[in-house]
Amino acid sequence: MSVRTIVVAVAFGLLVLFALINWSAFVAPTHLSLLVTSIDAPLGLIMLGITALISAVLLSLVLKLHITTLADSRQQSAELRTQRELANQAEASRFTELQKYIETQIKTLREELTGATNTLAACIGEIDERIERQMPTPPELQP
C-alpha cells in the first residue's frame, strides 16, 4: 500500500471514530435555516452525509481518472508495439538490400579479377613466347 492510501484510510478511520464518540451531538436536532424556510434537523448528521457524498464523488473521479489513464497506457503500448514491428521490418529490409548490393559488388569484382587474371596470363604467355624465340632453350634443359 502506498503512503497516500494509508493516510486516507487513517483519516477516514479517525472521522468514523469521532462520529461514534460524538453520536449524540450528531443526532441532536437543531434549528436550521434554508433561506426560504427553516427546519429542525440534526446538523451533525447532515454534515456527515455531505462529507460522505463529497467523498463518494471524489472517489468516483479518482477511479475514472485511473481507468482513463490505464486505457491510454494500453493504447500507447499497442501503438509502440506496432511502431517497433514496423521499424524491425524496415531494418530487415535494409539488411536484405545491403546483402543484395554486396553480393552484386562481389560478383562484379570477381568478374573483373577473372578478366584481369586472363589478361595477365595472356601477357605472360606472349612474353614467354618472345623469350623462347629470341633465346631458345638448349636441348639439355628441355624436359
Protein backbone atom coordinates (compact mmCIF):
# COMPACT_ATOMS: atom_id res chain seq x y z
CA MET A 1 0.00 0.00 0.00
CA SER A 2 1.18 3.48 -0.72
CA VAL A 3 1.64 6.13 1.95
CA ARG A 4 -1.17 8.19 0.45
CA THR A 5 -3.63 5.27 0.79
CA ILE A 6 -2.62 4.71 4.40
CA VAL A 7 -3.07 8.41 5.23
CA VAL A 8 -6.55 8.47 3.65
CA ALA A 9 -7.54 5.26 5.48
CA VAL A 10 -6.32 6.66 8.83
CA ALA A 11 -8.17 9.96 8.24
CA PHE A 12 -11.37 8.07 7.38
CA GLY A 13 -10.97 5.91 10.49
CA LEU A 14 -10.50 8.99 12.68
CA LEU A 15 -13.62 10.59 11.17
CA VAL A 16 -15.67 7.44 11.91
CA LEU A 17 -14.26 7.28 15.46
CA PHE A 18 -15.08 10.97 16.01
CA ALA A 19 -18.63 10.43 14.75
CA LEU A 20 -19.14 7.40 17.02
CA ILE A 21 -17.80 9.16 20.11
CA ASN A 22 -19.97 12.23 19.49
CA TRP A 23 -23.01 10.41 18.08
CA SER A 24 -25.45 12.07 20.50
CA ALA A 25 -24.30 15.51 19.32
CA PHE A 26 -24.55 14.43 15.70
CA VAL A 27 -28.18 13.38 16.00
CA ALA A 28 -29.31 16.27 18.25
CA PRO A 29 -31.92 18.33 16.40
CA THR A 30 -31.02 21.93 15.60
CA HIS A 31 -33.00 24.79 14.11
CA LEU A 32 -31.64 25.19 10.51
CA SER A 33 -32.47 27.96 8.02
CA LEU A 34 -32.75 27.03 4.32
CA LEU A 35 -33.14 30.66 3.05
CA VAL A 36 -36.81 30.15 2.19
CA THR A 37 -37.85 28.10 5.17
CA SER A 38 -36.45 26.68 8.41
CA ILE A 39 -36.41 23.14 9.73
CA ASP A 40 -35.41 21.24 12.83
CA ALA A 41 -32.88 18.53 11.84
CA PRO A 42 -29.65 17.02 13.17
CA LEU A 43 -26.87 19.29 11.82
CA GLY A 44 -24.10 16.78 12.55
CA LEU A 45 -25.86 14.05 10.59
CA ILE A 46 -26.43 16.41 7.63
CA MET A 47 -22.77 17.48 7.65
CA LEU A 48 -21.69 13.84 7.92
CA GLY A 49 -23.91 12.98 4.94
CA ILE A 50 -22.49 15.88 2.90
CA THR A 51 -18.96 14.71 3.76
CA ALA A 52 -19.82 11.17 2.66
CA LEU A 53 -21.36 12.47 -0.58
CA ILE A 54 -18.30 14.62 -1.40
CA SER A 55 -16.02 11.68 -0.60
CA ALA A 56 -18.00 9.40 -2.90
CA VAL A 57 -17.87 11.96 -5.74
CA LEU A 58 -14.13 12.43 -5.32
CA LEU A 59 -13.58 8.67 -5.20
CA SER A 60 -15.55 8.19 -8.41
CA LEU A 61 -13.50 10.94 -10.09
CA VAL A 62 -10.26 9.31 -8.99
CA LEU A 63 -11.44 5.92 -10.26
CA LYS A 64 -12.49 7.45 -13.60
CA LEU A 65 -9.09 9.15 -13.94
CA HIS A 66 -7.30 5.89 -13.10
CA ILE A 67 -9.34 3.90 -15.62
CA THR A 68 -8.76 6.53 -18.32
CA THR A 69 -5.03 6.51 -17.60
CA LEU A 70 -4.89 2.71 -17.85
CA ALA A 71 -6.79 2.74 -21.14
CA ASP A 72 -4.46 5.41 -22.56
CA SER A 73 -1.44 3.46 -21.37
CA ARG A 74 -2.67 0.29 -23.09
CA GLN A 75 -3.38 2.19 -26.30
CA GLN A 76 0.10 3.76 -26.28
CA SER A 77 1.65 0.38 -25.57
CA ALA A 78 -0.14 -1.11 -28.57
CA GLU A 79 0.95 1.80 -30.78
CA LEU A 80 4.55 1.43 -29.59
CA ARG A 81 4.47 -2.29 -30.32
CA THR A 82 3.16 -1.58 -33.84
CA GLN A 83 5.84 1.06 -34.45
CA ARG A 84 8.55 -1.29 -33.14
CA GLU A 85 7.40 -4.02 -35.53
CA LEU A 86 7.43 -1.56 -38.45
CA ALA A 87 10.93 -0.43 -37.50
CA ASN A 88 12.13 -4.03 -37.30
CA GLN A 89 10.65 -4.79 -40.72
CA ALA A 90 12.29 -1.70 -42.20
CA GLU A 91 15.62 -2.69 -40.65
CA ALA A 92 15.31 -6.22 -42.03
CA SER A 93 14.50 -4.78 -45.45
CA ARG A 94 17.60 -2.58 -45.31
CA PHE A 95 19.75 -5.57 -44.38
CA THR A 96 18.34 -7.54 -47.30
CA GLU A 97 19.03 -4.67 -49.69
CA LEU A 98 22.55 -4.30 -48.32
CA GLN A 99 23.16 -8.02 -48.73
CA LYS A 100 22.00 -7.91 -52.37
CA TYR A 101 24.18 -4.86 -53.03
CA ILE A 102 27.25 -6.53 -51.51
CA GLU A 103 26.61 -9.74 -53.49
CA THR A 104 26.35 -7.71 -56.70
CA GLN A 105 29.57 -5.86 -55.92
CA ILE A 106 31.40 -9.11 -55.11
CA LYS A 107 30.16 -10.70 -58.35
CA THR A 108 31.34 -7.67 -60.33
CA LEU A 109 34.71 -7.77 -58.57
CA ARG A 110 35.10 -11.49 -59.30
CA GLU A 111 34.35 -10.88 -62.98
CA GLU A 112 36.90 -8.06 -63.07
CA LEU A 113 39.51 -10.23 -61.29
CA THR A 114 38.83 -13.13 -63.69
CA GLY A 115 39.29 -10.79 -66.65
CA ALA A 116 42.48 -9.33 -65.17
CA THR A 117 43.81 -12.85 -64.47
CA ASN A 118 43.12 -13.95 -68.03
CA THR A 119 44.74 -10.82 -69.42
CA LEU A 120 47.78 -11.29 -67.18
CA ALA A 121 48.05 -14.96 -68.17
CA ALA A 122 47.89 -13.99 -71.86
CA CYS A 123 50.57 -11.34 -71.39
CA ILE A 124 52.84 -13.78 -69.56
CA GLY A 125 52.28 -16.33 -72.34
CA GLU A 126 53.23 -13.77 -75.01
CA ILE A 127 56.34 -12.74 -73.08
CA ASP A 128 57.27 -16.41 -72.67
CA GLU A 129 56.92 -16.99 -76.42
CA ARG A 130 59.06 -13.93 -77.27
CA ILE A 131 61.78 -15.00 -74.89
CA GLU A 132 61.63 -18.52 -76.29
CA ARG A 133 62.00 -17.19 -79.84
CA GLN A 134 64.89 -14.94 -79.01
CA MET A 135 66.70 -17.35 -76.72
CA PRO A 136 65.65 -20.94 -77.37
CA THR A 137 66.07 -23.41 -74.52
CA PRO A 138 69.10 -25.67 -75.01
CA PRO A 139 68.14 -29.32 -75.59
CA GLU A 140 69.78 -30.49 -72.36
CA LEU A 141 67.46 -28.23 -70.28
CA GLN A 142 64.28 -29.20 -72.06
CA PRO A 143 62.04 -31.61 -70.19
